[in-house]
Amino acid sequence: MQLTPMQKRYWRRNLRITSVLLAIWFVVTFVVAYFARELDFTFLGWPFSFWVAAQGALIVYVVIIWYYARAMNRLDQEHGVAEEE
């Protein structure tokens, strides 16, 4: 099956959005958590690294999900493949 130029453009933009968001997820999950151990001070009775890992990452994950849904809905509408409501 050959893809039309419009389908190729849609797929390229879809992959770009997904790749960027996966890179952000990786940084938040592994890089920030790795360096959070060095944040050695107490915040509200708990180590600050705990707050970074437990709260900050969850907020970023929710923002990633929100942005992905928003971006893909726009992309679907631009290419005429949006779901009917």
N, C-alpha and C. Protein backbone atom coordinates (compact mmCIF):
# COMPACT_ATOMS: atom_id res chain seq x y z
N MET A 1 0.84 -1.18 0.00
CA MET A 1 0.00 0.00 0.00
C MET A 1 0.88 1.24 0.00
N GLN A 2 0.68 2.08 -0.96
CA GLN A 2 1.43 3.33 -1.04
C GLN A 2 0.69 4.42 -0.28
N LEU A 3 1.46 5.18 0.47
CA LEU A 3 0.87 6.30 1.21
C LEU A 3 0.88 7.54 0.33
N THR A 4 -0.18 8.32 0.47
CA THR A 4 -0.23 9.59 -0.26
C THR A 4 0.69 10.59 0.44
N PRO A 5 1.07 11.67 -0.23
CA PRO A 5 1.91 12.69 0.43
C PRO A 5 1.28 13.24 1.71
N MET A 6 -0.04 13.38 1.70
CA MET A 6 -0.72 13.88 2.91
C MET A 6 -0.59 12.88 4.06
N GLN A 7 -0.73 11.60 3.75
CA GLN A 7 -0.59 10.57 4.79
C GLN A 7 0.84 10.51 5.31
N LYS A 8 1.82 10.68 4.42
CA LYS A 8 3.21 10.70 4.85
C LYS A 8 3.49 11.89 5.76
N ARG A 9 2.93 13.05 5.43
CA ARG A 9 3.11 14.25 6.25
C ARG A 9 2.47 14.04 7.63
N TYR A 10 1.27 13.45 7.64
CA TYR A 10 0.58 13.15 8.90
C TYR A 10 1.43 12.21 9.76
N TRP A 11 1.95 11.15 9.15
CA TRP A 11 2.74 10.17 9.89
C TRP A 11 4.03 10.79 10.41
N ARG A 12 4.70 11.62 9.60
CA ARG A 12 5.93 12.28 10.04
C ARG A 12 5.68 13.18 11.24
N ARG A 13 4.61 13.97 11.19
CA ARG A 13 4.29 14.86 12.32
C ARG A 13 3.90 14.06 13.55
N ASN A 14 3.16 12.96 13.35
CA ASN A 14 2.79 12.08 14.46
C ASN A 14 4.05 11.53 15.13
N LEU A 15 5.00 11.04 14.35
CA LEU A 15 6.24 10.51 14.91
C LEU A 15 7.07 11.59 15.61
N ARG A 16 7.08 12.80 15.06
CA ARG A 16 7.84 13.89 15.69
C ARG A 16 7.25 14.23 17.05
N ILE A 17 5.92 14.36 17.13
CA ILE A 17 5.27 14.66 18.41
C ILE A 17 5.57 13.55 19.43
N THR A 18 5.41 12.31 19.00
CA THR A 18 5.64 11.17 19.89
C THR A 18 7.09 11.11 20.35
N SER A 19 8.03 11.34 19.44
CA SER A 19 9.45 11.29 19.79
C SER A 19 9.83 12.35 20.81
N VAL A 20 9.35 13.56 20.61
CA VAL A 20 9.66 14.64 21.55
C VAL A 20 9.09 14.34 22.93
N LEU A 21 7.84 13.88 22.96
CA LEU A 21 7.22 13.59 24.26
C LEU A 21 7.88 12.40 24.95
N LEU A 22 8.32 11.41 24.18
CA LEU A 22 9.04 10.29 24.78
C LEU A 22 10.40 10.73 25.33
N ALA A 23 11.05 11.66 24.65
CA ALA A 23 12.32 12.19 25.15
C ALA A 23 12.11 12.93 26.47
N ILE A 24 11.04 13.72 26.54
CA ILE A 24 10.72 14.43 27.79
C ILE A 24 10.43 13.42 28.89
N TRP A 25 9.65 12.39 28.57
CA TRP A 25 9.34 11.35 29.56
C TRP A 25 10.62 10.69 30.07
N PHE A 26 11.54 10.36 29.17
CA PHE A 26 12.79 9.72 29.56
C PHE A 26 13.59 10.61 30.50
N VAL A 27 13.70 11.89 30.16
CA VAL A 27 14.47 12.82 31.00
C VAL A 27 13.85 12.92 32.39
N VAL A 28 12.53 13.07 32.44
CA VAL A 28 11.86 13.20 33.74
C VAL A 28 11.97 11.91 34.55
N THR A 29 11.83 10.79 33.90
CA THR A 29 11.82 9.51 34.61
C THR A 29 13.20 9.09 35.09
N PHE A 30 14.19 9.21 34.23
CA PHE A 30 15.50 8.65 34.56
C PHE A 30 16.55 9.71 34.92
N VAL A 31 16.65 10.75 34.14
CA VAL A 31 17.71 11.74 34.37
C VAL A 31 17.44 12.56 35.63
N VAL A 32 16.25 13.13 35.73
CA VAL A 32 15.93 13.94 36.91
C VAL A 32 15.95 13.07 38.17
N ALA A 33 15.39 11.88 38.10
CA ALA A 33 15.38 11.00 39.27
C ALA A 33 16.80 10.61 39.69
N TYR A 34 17.69 10.43 38.73
CA TYR A 34 19.07 10.08 39.05
C TYR A 34 19.77 11.21 39.80
N PHE A 35 19.60 12.43 39.31
CA PHE A 35 20.26 13.56 39.93
C PHE A 35 19.51 14.10 41.16
N ALA A 36 18.28 13.64 41.37
CA ALA A 36 17.51 14.12 42.52
C ALA A 36 18.12 13.68 43.84
N ARG A 37 18.90 12.61 43.81
CA ARG A 37 19.54 12.16 45.06
C ARG A 37 20.46 13.22 45.65
N GLU A 38 20.99 14.08 44.78
CA GLU A 38 21.90 15.11 45.25
C GLU A 38 21.17 16.32 45.83
N LEU A 39 19.86 16.37 45.70
CA LEU A 39 19.07 17.44 46.30
C LEU A 39 18.83 17.06 47.76
N ASP A 40 19.81 17.34 48.58
CA ASP A 40 19.82 16.82 49.94
C ASP A 40 19.41 17.88 50.96
N PHE A 41 18.12 18.26 50.94
CA PHE A 41 17.61 19.11 52.00
C PHE A 41 16.16 18.71 52.27
N THR A 42 15.64 19.10 53.41
CA THR A 42 14.33 18.68 53.84
C THR A 42 13.28 19.68 53.38
N PHE A 43 12.18 19.16 52.87
CA PHE A 43 11.06 19.98 52.41
C PHE A 43 9.79 19.41 53.02
N LEU A 44 9.17 20.15 53.93
CA LEU A 44 7.97 19.72 54.65
C LEU A 44 8.18 18.38 55.36
N GLY A 45 9.35 18.20 55.91
CA GLY A 45 9.65 17.00 56.69
C GLY A 45 10.11 15.80 55.88
N TRP A 46 10.17 15.92 54.58
CA TRP A 46 10.62 14.83 53.72
C TRP A 46 11.81 15.30 52.90
N PRO A 47 12.66 14.37 52.49
CA PRO A 47 13.77 14.76 51.62
C PRO A 47 13.23 15.35 50.32
N PHE A 48 13.85 16.42 49.84
CA PHE A 48 13.37 17.08 48.63
C PHE A 48 13.39 16.14 47.42
N SER A 49 14.35 15.23 47.38
CA SER A 49 14.40 14.28 46.26
C SER A 49 13.13 13.43 46.20
N PHE A 50 12.54 13.15 47.36
CA PHE A 50 11.28 12.42 47.38
C PHE A 50 10.19 13.20 46.67
N TRP A 51 10.12 14.51 46.94
CA TRP A 51 9.11 15.35 46.33
C TRP A 51 9.31 15.45 44.82
N VAL A 52 10.55 15.55 44.39
CA VAL A 52 10.82 15.62 42.96
C VAL A 52 10.33 14.35 42.27
N ALA A 53 10.67 13.21 42.83
CA ALA A 53 10.30 11.94 42.22
C ALA A 53 8.80 11.66 42.33
N ALA A 54 8.23 11.91 43.50
CA ALA A 54 6.85 11.51 43.75
C ALA A 54 5.82 12.49 43.18
N GLN A 55 6.10 13.77 43.22
CA GLN A 55 5.09 14.75 42.81
C GLN A 55 5.41 15.39 41.47
N GLY A 56 6.64 15.83 41.31
CA GLY A 56 7.00 16.54 40.09
C GLY A 56 6.85 15.69 38.84
N ALA A 57 7.28 14.45 38.92
CA ALA A 57 7.19 13.58 37.75
C ALA A 57 5.73 13.32 37.37
N LEU A 58 4.87 13.13 38.34
CA LEU A 58 3.45 12.88 38.04
C LEU A 58 2.82 14.08 37.34
N ILE A 59 3.17 15.26 37.77
CA ILE A 59 2.64 16.46 37.13
C ILE A 59 3.10 16.53 35.68
N VAL A 60 4.36 16.23 35.44
CA VAL A 60 4.88 16.25 34.07
C VAL A 60 4.18 15.19 33.23
N TYR A 61 3.93 14.01 33.77
CA TYR A 61 3.25 12.96 33.02
C TYR A 61 1.84 13.39 32.60
N VAL A 62 1.13 14.03 33.50
CA VAL A 62 -0.22 14.51 33.18
C VAL A 62 -0.15 15.57 32.08
N VAL A 63 0.82 16.47 32.15
CA VAL A 63 0.98 17.49 31.12
C VAL A 63 1.33 16.85 29.77
N ILE A 64 2.16 15.83 29.78
CA ILE A 64 2.49 15.12 28.53
C ILE A 64 1.23 14.50 27.92
N ILE A 65 0.41 13.86 28.72
CA ILE A 65 -0.82 13.25 28.21
C ILE A 65 -1.75 14.32 27.65
N TRP A 66 -1.91 15.42 28.38
CA TRP A 66 -2.78 16.50 27.92
C TRP A 66 -2.29 17.06 26.59
N TYR A 67 -0.99 17.33 26.50
CA TYR A 67 -0.44 17.91 25.27
C TYR A 67 -0.58 16.93 24.10
N TYR A 68 -0.32 15.65 24.32
CA TYR A 68 -0.43 14.67 23.25
C TYR A 68 -1.85 14.61 22.70
N ALA A 69 -2.83 14.55 23.59
CA ALA A 69 -4.23 14.50 23.16
C ALA A 69 -4.60 15.76 22.38
N ARG A 70 -4.18 16.90 22.86
CA ARG A 70 -4.47 18.17 22.19
C ARG A 70 -3.79 18.24 20.82
N ALA A 71 -2.52 17.90 20.76
CA ALA A 71 -1.77 17.97 19.51
C ALA A 71 -2.32 16.99 18.48
N MET A 72 -2.64 15.79 18.91
CA MET A 72 -3.15 14.79 17.96
C MET A 72 -4.55 15.14 17.47
N ASN A 73 -5.38 15.72 18.32
CA ASN A 73 -6.70 16.17 17.87
C ASN A 73 -6.56 17.24 16.80
N ARG A 74 -5.65 18.18 17.01
CA ARG A 74 -5.42 19.22 16.00
C ARG A 74 -4.88 18.62 14.71
N LEU A 75 -3.94 17.70 14.83
CA LEU A 75 -3.36 17.07 13.65
C LEU A 75 -4.43 16.28 12.90
N ASP A 76 -5.28 15.57 13.61
CA ASP A 76 -6.37 14.83 12.97
C ASP A 76 -7.31 15.77 12.22
N GLN A 77 -7.64 16.90 12.82
CA GLN A 77 -8.53 17.86 12.17
C GLN A 77 -7.88 18.46 10.92
N GLU A 78 -6.59 18.76 11.01
CA GLU A 78 -5.89 19.33 9.86
C GLU A 78 -5.88 18.37 8.67
N HIS A 79 -5.83 17.07 8.95
CA HIS A 79 -5.72 16.08 7.88
C HIS A 79 -7.04 15.38 7.57
N GLY A 80 -8.11 15.82 8.19
CA GLY A 80 -9.42 15.29 7.89
C GLY A 80 -9.68 13.88 8.38
N VAL A 81 -9.03 13.49 9.45
CA VAL A 81 -9.25 12.14 10.00
C VAL A 81 -9.77 12.21 11.44
N ALA A 82 -10.32 13.33 11.81
CA ALA A 82 -10.81 13.50 13.18
C ALA A 82 -12.05 12.64 13.41
N GLU A 83 -12.22 12.20 14.64
CA GLU A 83 -13.39 11.40 15.00
C GLU A 83 -14.60 12.30 15.10
N GLU A 84 -15.73 11.76 14.74
CA GLU A 84 -16.99 12.51 14.86
C GLU A 84 -17.43 12.51 16.32
N GLU A 85 -17.99 13.63 16.74
CA GLU A 85 -18.47 13.72 18.13
C GLU A 85 -19.92 13.43 18.22
